[in-house]
Amino acid sequence: MFKVGDLAVYPAHGVGRIESIEAREISGKKQNFYIMKIIHNNMTIMIPVNNAGSVGLRGIIDMDEVPKVYEIMKRRNIPPDNQTWNRRYREYMEKIKTGSVYEVAEVLRNLYLLREDKDLSFGERKMLDTAQSLLIKELSIAQNTDEGAVMSEISAIFDLD
């Protein structure tokens, strides 16, 4: 259960703030909804309170979970991905939609590693940007630091200039 003012993560959209909890009537049935504003783009989302768990709404990871996310990004002993780009895209999109910070970290790592071997498709480049911005926002909040510091850590992991 979230309270007004709480930060939460909505899968594929990222970190948002619970602006209010409102009762609305939908199809003749009264329900309570979280009204959540996504920080990154100011999008407002209505999430039924009863369905919050099933749609993947979750709290920001704890500080002690952050090193696990960085470990996932540092792992290099993964098998090469020889799928076609569109199959890989679908698989990665499913991982992002889970809302799991660990799955998003895997997608980011895999796309950065793939980029070392070949050019990414337009969709893959967009997905890399999405995964990166989702991670940067949540990790900066979890660590109570600015996004630039998180980006520097990610850049160091992937040897970016």
N, C-alpha and C. Protein backbone atom coordinates (compact mmCIF):
# COMPACT_ATOMS: atom_id res chain seq x y z
N MET A 1 0.84 -1.19 0.00
CA MET A 1 0.00 0.00 0.00
C MET A 1 0.88 1.25 0.00
N PHE A 2 0.63 2.12 -0.93
CA PHE A 2 1.39 3.36 -1.04
C PHE A 2 0.58 4.50 -0.46
N LYS A 3 1.29 5.52 -0.03
CA LYS A 3 0.65 6.73 0.49
C LYS A 3 0.92 7.88 -0.48
N VAL A 4 0.13 8.92 -0.37
CA VAL A 4 0.35 10.12 -1.18
C VAL A 4 1.75 10.65 -0.88
N GLY A 5 2.49 10.96 -1.94
CA GLY A 5 3.86 11.46 -1.80
C GLY A 5 4.92 10.38 -1.96
N ASP A 6 4.53 9.11 -1.86
CA ASP A 6 5.50 8.02 -2.01
C ASP A 6 6.02 7.97 -3.44
N LEU A 7 7.28 7.56 -3.57
CA LEU A 7 7.85 7.28 -4.88
C LEU A 7 7.67 5.79 -5.16
N ALA A 8 7.36 5.46 -6.39
CA ALA A 8 7.18 4.06 -6.78
C ALA A 8 7.65 3.90 -8.23
N VAL A 9 7.83 2.66 -8.63
CA VAL A 9 8.26 2.36 -9.99
C VAL A 9 7.12 1.67 -10.72
N TYR A 10 6.75 2.22 -11.88
CA TYR A 10 5.74 1.61 -12.73
C TYR A 10 6.47 1.00 -13.92
N PRO A 11 6.28 -0.31 -14.18
CA PRO A 11 7.05 -0.98 -15.25
C PRO A 11 7.02 -0.22 -16.57
N ALA A 12 8.18 -0.16 -17.20
CA ALA A 12 8.41 0.44 -18.52
C ALA A 12 8.25 1.96 -18.54
N HIS A 13 7.78 2.56 -17.45
CA HIS A 13 7.64 4.02 -17.40
C HIS A 13 8.60 4.65 -16.40
N GLY A 14 8.95 3.90 -15.37
CA GLY A 14 9.94 4.38 -14.43
C GLY A 14 9.36 4.91 -13.13
N VAL A 15 10.14 5.77 -12.51
CA VAL A 15 9.81 6.28 -11.18
C VAL A 15 8.76 7.38 -11.27
N GLY A 16 7.80 7.28 -10.37
CA GLY A 16 6.76 8.29 -10.30
C GLY A 16 6.40 8.56 -8.85
N ARG A 17 5.64 9.61 -8.65
CA ARG A 17 5.19 9.98 -7.30
C ARG A 17 3.68 9.78 -7.23
N ILE A 18 3.23 9.16 -6.14
CA ILE A 18 1.79 9.01 -5.92
C ILE A 18 1.26 10.39 -5.55
N GLU A 19 0.49 10.97 -6.45
CA GLU A 19 -0.05 12.33 -6.26
C GLU A 19 -1.30 12.31 -5.39
N SER A 20 -2.12 11.27 -5.58
CA SER A 20 -3.35 11.17 -4.79
C SER A 20 -3.88 9.75 -4.89
N ILE A 21 -4.84 9.46 -4.02
CA ILE A 21 -5.57 8.20 -4.07
C ILE A 21 -7.03 8.60 -4.17
N GLU A 22 -7.65 8.23 -5.27
CA GLU A 22 -9.00 8.70 -5.54
C GLU A 22 -9.95 7.54 -5.79
N ALA A 23 -11.20 7.73 -5.38
CA ALA A 23 -12.25 6.75 -5.67
C ALA A 23 -12.92 7.19 -6.97
N ARG A 24 -13.02 6.27 -7.91
CA ARG A 24 -13.68 6.55 -9.18
C ARG A 24 -14.64 5.42 -9.48
N GLU A 25 -15.68 5.77 -10.22
CA GLU A 25 -16.62 4.75 -10.64
C GLU A 25 -16.33 4.38 -12.09
N ILE A 26 -16.02 3.11 -12.30
CA ILE A 26 -15.73 2.61 -13.63
C ILE A 26 -16.68 1.43 -13.89
N SER A 27 -17.44 1.52 -14.97
CA SER A 27 -18.42 0.49 -15.32
C SER A 27 -19.36 0.16 -14.15
N GLY A 28 -19.79 1.19 -13.45
CA GLY A 28 -20.74 1.02 -12.36
C GLY A 28 -20.14 0.47 -11.08
N LYS A 29 -18.82 0.30 -11.06
CA LYS A 29 -18.15 -0.25 -9.88
C LYS A 29 -17.19 0.79 -9.31
N LYS A 30 -17.31 1.06 -8.02
CA LYS A 30 -16.44 2.05 -7.38
C LYS A 30 -15.11 1.39 -7.02
N GLN A 31 -14.01 2.05 -7.40
CA GLN A 31 -12.67 1.54 -7.11
C GLN A 31 -11.79 2.69 -6.65
N ASN A 32 -10.76 2.34 -5.88
CA ASN A 32 -9.75 3.31 -5.51
C ASN A 32 -8.58 3.21 -6.48
N PHE A 33 -8.06 4.37 -6.87
CA PHE A 33 -6.94 4.43 -7.81
C PHE A 33 -5.80 5.25 -7.25
N TYR A 34 -4.58 4.78 -7.50
CA TYR A 34 -3.41 5.63 -7.29
C TYR A 34 -3.32 6.54 -8.50
N ILE A 35 -3.19 7.81 -8.28
CA ILE A 35 -2.91 8.75 -9.36
C ILE A 35 -1.41 9.04 -9.24
N MET A 36 -0.68 8.58 -10.25
CA MET A 36 0.79 8.64 -10.20
C MET A 36 1.30 9.49 -11.34
N LYS A 37 2.23 10.39 -11.01
CA LYS A 37 2.87 11.22 -12.04
C LYS A 37 4.30 10.71 -12.22
N ILE A 38 4.61 10.30 -13.46
CA ILE A 38 5.95 9.81 -13.78
C ILE A 38 6.90 11.01 -13.79
N ILE A 39 8.00 10.89 -13.07
CA ILE A 39 8.93 12.02 -12.91
C ILE A 39 9.58 12.41 -14.23
N HIS A 40 9.97 11.40 -15.01
CA HIS A 40 10.74 11.64 -16.23
C HIS A 40 10.00 12.51 -17.25
N ASN A 41 8.67 12.27 -17.41
CA ASN A 41 7.96 12.96 -18.49
C ASN A 41 6.63 13.59 -18.06
N ASN A 42 6.35 13.61 -16.76
CA ASN A 42 5.12 14.20 -16.20
C ASN A 42 3.84 13.50 -16.66
N MET A 43 3.95 12.29 -17.19
CA MET A 43 2.77 11.52 -17.58
C MET A 43 2.01 11.13 -16.30
N THR A 44 0.68 11.19 -16.37
CA THR A 44 -0.15 10.78 -15.24
C THR A 44 -0.77 9.43 -15.54
N ILE A 45 -0.67 8.51 -14.58
CA ILE A 45 -1.20 7.16 -14.74
C ILE A 45 -2.17 6.88 -13.59
N MET A 46 -3.29 6.25 -13.93
CA MET A 46 -4.25 5.79 -12.91
C MET A 46 -4.06 4.29 -12.74
N ILE A 47 -3.79 3.87 -11.51
CA ILE A 47 -3.56 2.45 -11.24
C ILE A 47 -4.55 1.99 -10.18
N PRO A 48 -5.38 0.99 -10.50
CA PRO A 48 -6.30 0.49 -9.48
C PRO A 48 -5.52 -0.04 -8.27
N VAL A 49 -5.89 0.41 -7.08
CA VAL A 49 -5.18 0.01 -5.86
C VAL A 49 -5.17 -1.52 -5.74
N ASN A 50 -6.31 -2.18 -6.06
CA ASN A 50 -6.39 -3.64 -5.94
C ASN A 50 -5.45 -4.35 -6.91
N ASN A 51 -5.11 -3.72 -8.04
CA ASN A 51 -4.27 -4.34 -9.06
C ASN A 51 -2.83 -3.89 -9.02
N ALA A 52 -2.47 -3.04 -8.09
CA ALA A 52 -1.14 -2.44 -8.09
C ALA A 52 -0.03 -3.49 -8.16
N GLY A 53 -0.16 -4.55 -7.39
CA GLY A 53 0.85 -5.61 -7.40
C GLY A 53 0.89 -6.36 -8.71
N SER A 54 -0.29 -6.66 -9.27
CA SER A 54 -0.32 -7.46 -10.49
C SER A 54 0.17 -6.69 -11.72
N VAL A 55 0.08 -5.36 -11.69
CA VAL A 55 0.61 -4.59 -12.82
C VAL A 55 2.09 -4.27 -12.62
N GLY A 56 2.64 -4.64 -11.46
CA GLY A 56 4.07 -4.48 -11.23
C GLY A 56 4.48 -3.21 -10.50
N LEU A 57 3.53 -2.44 -10.00
CA LEU A 57 3.88 -1.24 -9.24
C LEU A 57 4.65 -1.68 -8.00
N ARG A 58 5.80 -1.08 -7.78
CA ARG A 58 6.63 -1.46 -6.63
C ARG A 58 7.37 -0.25 -6.10
N GLY A 59 7.89 -0.38 -4.91
CA GLY A 59 8.68 0.68 -4.31
C GLY A 59 10.07 0.75 -4.94
N ILE A 60 10.76 1.83 -4.66
CA ILE A 60 12.16 2.00 -5.09
C ILE A 60 13.01 0.96 -4.36
N ILE A 61 14.01 0.41 -5.05
CA ILE A 61 14.86 -0.57 -4.37
C ILE A 61 15.59 0.06 -3.19
N ASP A 62 15.92 -0.77 -2.21
CA ASP A 62 16.67 -0.30 -1.05
C ASP A 62 18.13 -0.09 -1.43
N MET A 63 18.79 0.73 -0.64
CA MET A 63 20.21 1.03 -0.86
C MET A 63 21.05 -0.25 -0.91
N ASP A 64 20.70 -1.25 -0.08
CA ASP A 64 21.51 -2.47 -0.06
C ASP A 64 21.30 -3.36 -1.29
N GLU A 65 20.31 -3.05 -2.13
CA GLU A 65 20.08 -3.78 -3.37
C GLU A 65 20.90 -3.20 -4.54
N VAL A 66 21.35 -1.97 -4.40
CA VAL A 66 22.05 -1.27 -5.48
C VAL A 66 23.29 -2.02 -5.96
N PRO A 67 24.14 -2.54 -5.06
CA PRO A 67 25.34 -3.26 -5.55
C PRO A 67 24.98 -4.46 -6.44
N LYS A 68 23.85 -5.12 -6.18
CA LYS A 68 23.44 -6.26 -7.01
C LYS A 68 23.17 -5.80 -8.45
N VAL A 69 22.58 -4.62 -8.59
CA VAL A 69 22.30 -4.08 -9.93
C VAL A 69 23.61 -3.81 -10.67
N TYR A 70 24.57 -3.21 -9.97
CA TYR A 70 25.87 -2.95 -10.60
C TYR A 70 26.59 -4.25 -10.94
N GLU A 71 26.45 -5.28 -10.10
CA GLU A 71 27.08 -6.58 -10.39
C GLU A 71 26.51 -7.18 -11.67
N ILE A 72 25.20 -7.06 -11.86
CA ILE A 72 24.58 -7.58 -13.09
C ILE A 72 25.19 -6.88 -14.31
N MET A 73 25.36 -5.56 -14.21
CA MET A 73 25.92 -4.82 -15.35
C MET A 73 27.38 -5.17 -15.60
N LYS A 74 28.11 -5.55 -14.55
CA LYS A 74 29.53 -5.87 -14.69
C LYS A 74 29.76 -7.27 -15.23
N ARG A 75 28.78 -8.17 -15.10
CA ARG A 75 28.93 -9.56 -15.54
C ARG A 75 29.20 -9.62 -17.04
N ARG A 76 30.23 -10.37 -17.41
CA ARG A 76 30.58 -10.47 -18.83
C ARG A 76 30.51 -11.90 -19.34
N ASN A 77 30.34 -12.86 -18.46
CA ASN A 77 30.35 -14.27 -18.87
C ASN A 77 28.96 -14.73 -19.31
N ILE A 78 28.41 -14.00 -20.26
CA ILE A 78 27.10 -14.35 -20.79
C ILE A 78 27.27 -14.89 -22.19
N PRO A 79 26.43 -15.86 -22.57
CA PRO A 79 26.56 -16.40 -23.93
C PRO A 79 26.22 -15.35 -24.98
N PRO A 80 26.87 -15.42 -26.14
CA PRO A 80 26.57 -14.43 -27.19
C PRO A 80 25.13 -14.58 -27.66
N ASP A 81 24.51 -13.46 -27.99
CA ASP A 81 23.12 -13.45 -28.43
C ASP A 81 23.09 -13.47 -29.95
N ASN A 82 22.73 -14.61 -30.52
CA ASN A 82 22.73 -14.75 -31.98
C ASN A 82 21.33 -14.70 -32.57
N GLN A 83 20.36 -14.21 -31.80
CA GLN A 83 19.00 -14.10 -32.31
C GLN A 83 18.91 -12.97 -33.34
N THR A 84 17.84 -12.99 -34.11
CA THR A 84 17.61 -11.86 -35.00
C THR A 84 17.26 -10.65 -34.15
N TRP A 85 17.49 -9.47 -34.69
CA TRP A 85 17.28 -8.25 -33.90
C TRP A 85 15.84 -8.13 -33.42
N ASN A 86 14.86 -8.53 -34.23
CA ASN A 86 13.47 -8.34 -33.81
C ASN A 86 13.07 -9.32 -32.70
N ARG A 87 13.61 -10.53 -32.72
CA ARG A 87 13.34 -11.48 -31.64
C ARG A 87 14.00 -10.99 -30.34
N ARG A 88 15.23 -10.51 -30.47
CA ARG A 88 15.96 -9.98 -29.32
C ARG A 88 15.20 -8.77 -28.76
N TYR A 89 14.70 -7.91 -29.65
CA TYR A 89 13.95 -6.72 -29.23
C TYR A 89 12.73 -7.13 -28.41
N ARG A 90 11.98 -8.12 -28.91
CA ARG A 90 10.78 -8.58 -28.18
C ARG A 90 11.15 -9.12 -26.81
N GLU A 91 12.21 -9.92 -26.75
CA GLU A 91 12.65 -10.50 -25.49
C GLU A 91 13.05 -9.41 -24.49
N TYR A 92 13.82 -8.44 -24.96
CA TYR A 92 14.26 -7.37 -24.08
C TYR A 92 13.09 -6.49 -23.64
N MET A 93 12.13 -6.26 -24.54
CA MET A 93 10.97 -5.45 -24.18
C MET A 93 10.16 -6.15 -23.08
N GLU A 94 10.05 -7.46 -23.16
CA GLU A 94 9.36 -8.21 -22.11
C GLU A 94 10.06 -8.03 -20.76
N LYS A 95 11.39 -8.04 -20.78
CA LYS A 95 12.15 -7.84 -19.54
C LYS A 95 11.91 -6.44 -18.97
N ILE A 96 11.90 -5.45 -19.83
CA ILE A 96 11.66 -4.08 -19.37
C ILE A 96 10.25 -3.95 -18.79
N LYS A 97 9.28 -4.62 -19.42
CA LYS A 97 7.89 -4.53 -18.96
C LYS A 97 7.66 -5.20 -17.61
N THR A 98 8.59 -6.08 -17.18
CA THR A 98 8.43 -6.71 -15.86
C THR A 98 8.55 -5.66 -14.76
N GLY A 99 9.31 -4.60 -15.04
CA GLY A 99 9.52 -3.58 -14.03
C GLY A 99 10.66 -3.91 -13.08
N SER A 100 11.25 -5.08 -13.22
CA SER A 100 12.34 -5.49 -12.34
C SER A 100 13.61 -4.71 -12.68
N VAL A 101 14.19 -4.07 -11.68
CA VAL A 101 15.42 -3.30 -11.91
C VAL A 101 16.54 -4.23 -12.36
N TYR A 102 16.50 -5.49 -11.94
CA TYR A 102 17.53 -6.45 -12.33
C TYR A 102 17.40 -6.84 -13.80
N GLU A 103 16.17 -7.02 -14.25
CA GLU A 103 15.93 -7.35 -15.66
C GLU A 103 16.34 -6.17 -16.56
N VAL A 104 16.02 -4.96 -16.12
CA VAL A 104 16.39 -3.77 -16.89
C VAL A 104 17.92 -3.65 -16.96
N ALA A 105 18.60 -3.96 -15.85
CA ALA A 105 20.07 -3.93 -15.84
C ALA A 105 20.64 -4.95 -16.82
N GLU A 106 20.01 -6.13 -16.90
CA GLU A 106 20.44 -7.14 -17.87
C GLU A 106 20.29 -6.64 -19.30
N VAL A 107 19.17 -6.03 -19.58
CA VAL A 107 18.93 -5.51 -20.93
C VAL A 107 19.98 -4.47 -21.29
N LEU A 108 20.24 -3.55 -20.36
CA LEU A 108 21.24 -2.51 -20.61
C LEU A 108 22.60 -3.13 -20.88
N ARG A 109 23.00 -4.06 -20.01
CA ARG A 109 24.31 -4.72 -20.19
C ARG A 109 24.38 -5.44 -21.53
N ASN A 110 23.36 -6.22 -21.85
CA ASN A 110 23.38 -6.99 -23.10
C ASN A 110 23.45 -6.10 -24.33
N LEU A 111 22.72 -4.98 -24.29
CA LEU A 111 22.75 -4.07 -25.44
C LEU A 111 24.10 -3.36 -25.56
N TYR A 112 24.70 -2.98 -24.42
CA TYR A 112 26.03 -2.36 -24.48
C TYR A 112 27.06 -3.36 -25.02
N LEU A 113 26.97 -4.62 -24.58
CA LEU A 113 27.91 -5.63 -25.06
C LEU A 113 27.69 -5.92 -26.54
N LEU A 114 26.44 -5.99 -26.94
CA LEU A 114 26.12 -6.23 -28.35
C LEU A 114 26.66 -5.08 -29.22
N ARG A 115 26.55 -3.87 -28.70
CA ARG A 115 26.99 -2.69 -29.44
C ARG A 115 28.49 -2.73 -29.74
N GLU A 116 29.24 -3.45 -28.90
CA GLU A 116 30.69 -3.58 -29.15
C GLU A 116 30.96 -4.43 -30.39
N ASP A 117 30.04 -5.36 -30.69
CA ASP A 117 30.24 -6.29 -31.82
C ASP A 117 29.60 -5.83 -33.11
N LYS A 118 28.45 -5.15 -33.02
CA LYS A 118 27.74 -4.76 -34.23
C LYS A 118 26.92 -3.50 -33.98
N ASP A 119 26.46 -2.90 -35.06
CA ASP A 119 25.59 -1.74 -34.94
C ASP A 119 24.22 -2.19 -34.44
N LEU A 120 23.67 -1.43 -33.51
CA LEU A 120 22.33 -1.73 -33.03
C LEU A 120 21.30 -1.17 -34.00
N SER A 121 20.17 -1.85 -34.07
CA SER A 121 19.06 -1.33 -34.88
C SER A 121 18.53 -0.07 -34.20
N PHE A 122 17.72 0.69 -34.92
CA PHE A 122 17.12 1.90 -34.34
C PHE A 122 16.34 1.55 -33.07
N GLY A 123 15.55 0.48 -33.13
CA GLY A 123 14.75 0.06 -31.97
C GLY A 123 15.62 -0.33 -30.79
N GLU A 124 16.72 -1.01 -31.08
CA GLU A 124 17.63 -1.41 -30.00
C GLU A 124 18.31 -0.20 -29.37
N ARG A 125 18.67 0.79 -30.19
CA ARG A 125 19.29 2.01 -29.63
C ARG A 125 18.30 2.73 -28.72
N LYS A 126 17.03 2.82 -29.17
CA LYS A 126 16.00 3.45 -28.34
C LYS A 126 15.80 2.67 -27.05
N MET A 127 15.82 1.35 -27.14
CA MET A 127 15.64 0.52 -25.96
C MET A 127 16.81 0.69 -24.99
N LEU A 128 18.03 0.80 -25.53
CA LEU A 128 19.20 1.04 -24.69
C LEU A 128 19.01 2.34 -23.92
N ASP A 129 18.57 3.38 -24.62
CA ASP A 129 18.33 4.68 -23.97
C ASP A 129 17.25 4.56 -22.89
N THR A 130 16.18 3.82 -23.20
CA THR A 130 15.09 3.65 -22.24
C THR A 130 15.59 2.92 -21.00
N ALA A 131 16.27 1.79 -21.20
CA ALA A 131 16.78 1.01 -20.07
C ALA A 131 17.73 1.86 -19.22
N GLN A 132 18.58 2.62 -19.90
CA GLN A 132 19.54 3.46 -19.18
C GLN A 132 18.82 4.53 -18.36
N SER A 133 17.84 5.20 -18.94
CA SER A 133 17.17 6.26 -18.18
C SER A 133 16.34 5.69 -17.03
N LEU A 134 15.72 4.50 -17.22
CA LEU A 134 14.98 3.86 -16.13
C LEU A 134 15.92 3.55 -14.96
N LEU A 135 17.09 2.99 -15.28
CA LEU A 135 18.05 2.64 -14.24
C LEU A 135 18.63 3.87 -13.55
N ILE A 136 19.02 4.86 -14.34
CA ILE A 136 19.63 6.05 -13.77
C ILE A 136 18.69 6.72 -12.77
N LYS A 137 17.43 6.86 -13.14
CA LYS A 137 16.46 7.52 -12.25
C LYS A 137 16.31 6.74 -10.95
N GLU A 138 16.08 5.43 -11.04
CA GLU A 138 15.85 4.66 -9.82
C GLU A 138 17.10 4.55 -8.97
N LEU A 139 18.26 4.31 -9.59
CA LEU A 139 19.49 4.19 -8.81
C LEU A 139 19.87 5.50 -8.14
N SER A 140 19.63 6.63 -8.81
CA SER A 140 19.97 7.92 -8.19
C SER A 140 19.08 8.17 -6.97
N ILE A 141 17.81 7.79 -7.05
CA ILE A 141 16.92 7.96 -5.90
C ILE A 141 17.30 6.99 -4.79
N ALA A 142 17.57 5.73 -5.15
CA ALA A 142 17.92 4.72 -4.15
C ALA A 142 19.20 5.10 -3.40
N GLN A 143 20.15 5.71 -4.11
CA GLN A 143 21.43 6.07 -3.51
C GLN A 143 21.45 7.50 -2.97
N ASN A 144 20.34 8.20 -3.19
CA ASN A 144 20.23 9.61 -2.78
C ASN A 144 21.39 10.43 -3.35
N THR A 145 21.60 10.27 -4.64
CA THR A 145 22.67 10.98 -5.33
C THR A 145 22.10 11.55 -6.64
N ASP A 146 22.89 12.35 -7.33
CA ASP A 146 22.36 12.92 -8.57
C ASP A 146 22.55 11.94 -9.73
N GLU A 147 21.78 12.16 -10.78
CA GLU A 147 21.78 11.26 -11.92
C GLU A 147 23.12 11.24 -12.65
N GLY A 148 23.83 12.35 -12.63
CA GLY A 148 25.14 12.42 -13.28
C GLY A 148 26.13 11.45 -12.66
N ALA A 149 26.07 11.30 -11.34
CA ALA A 149 26.98 10.36 -10.65
C ALA A 149 26.67 8.93 -11.05
N VAL A 150 25.39 8.61 -11.17
CA VAL A 150 25.00 7.26 -11.59
C VAL A 150 25.44 7.02 -13.03
N MET A 151 25.25 8.02 -13.89
CA MET A 151 25.67 7.88 -15.29
C MET A 151 27.17 7.66 -15.36
N SER A 152 27.93 8.35 -14.52
CA SER A 152 29.39 8.16 -14.50
C SER A 152 29.75 6.73 -14.12
N GLU A 153 29.03 6.17 -13.13
CA GLU A 153 29.30 4.79 -12.73
C GLU A 153 28.99 3.82 -13.86
N ILE A 154 27.86 4.05 -14.55
CA ILE A 154 27.49 3.18 -15.67
C ILE A 154 28.51 3.32 -16.79
N SER A 155 28.93 4.55 -17.07
CA SER A 155 29.94 4.78 -18.11
C SER A 155 31.23 4.05 -17.78
N ALA A 156 31.62 4.05 -16.50
CA ALA A 156 32.85 3.36 -16.10
C ALA A 156 32.72 1.86 -16.29
N ILE A 157 31.55 1.31 -15.99
CA ILE A 157 31.32 -0.13 -16.16
C ILE A 157 31.47 -0.53 -17.62
N PHE A 158 30.93 0.28 -18.52
CA PHE A 158 30.95 -0.08 -19.95
C PHE A 158 32.05 0.62 -20.72
N ASP A 159 32.98 1.26 -20.00
CA ASP A 159 34.14 1.87 -20.64
C ASP A 159 33.75 2.90 -21.70
N LEU A 160 32.77 3.74 -21.36
CA LEU A 160 32.32 4.76 -22.30
C LEU A 160 33.18 6.01 -22.12
N ASP A 161 33.37 6.74 -23.19
CA ASP A 161 34.18 7.98 -23.10
C ASP A 161 33.36 9.13 -22.58
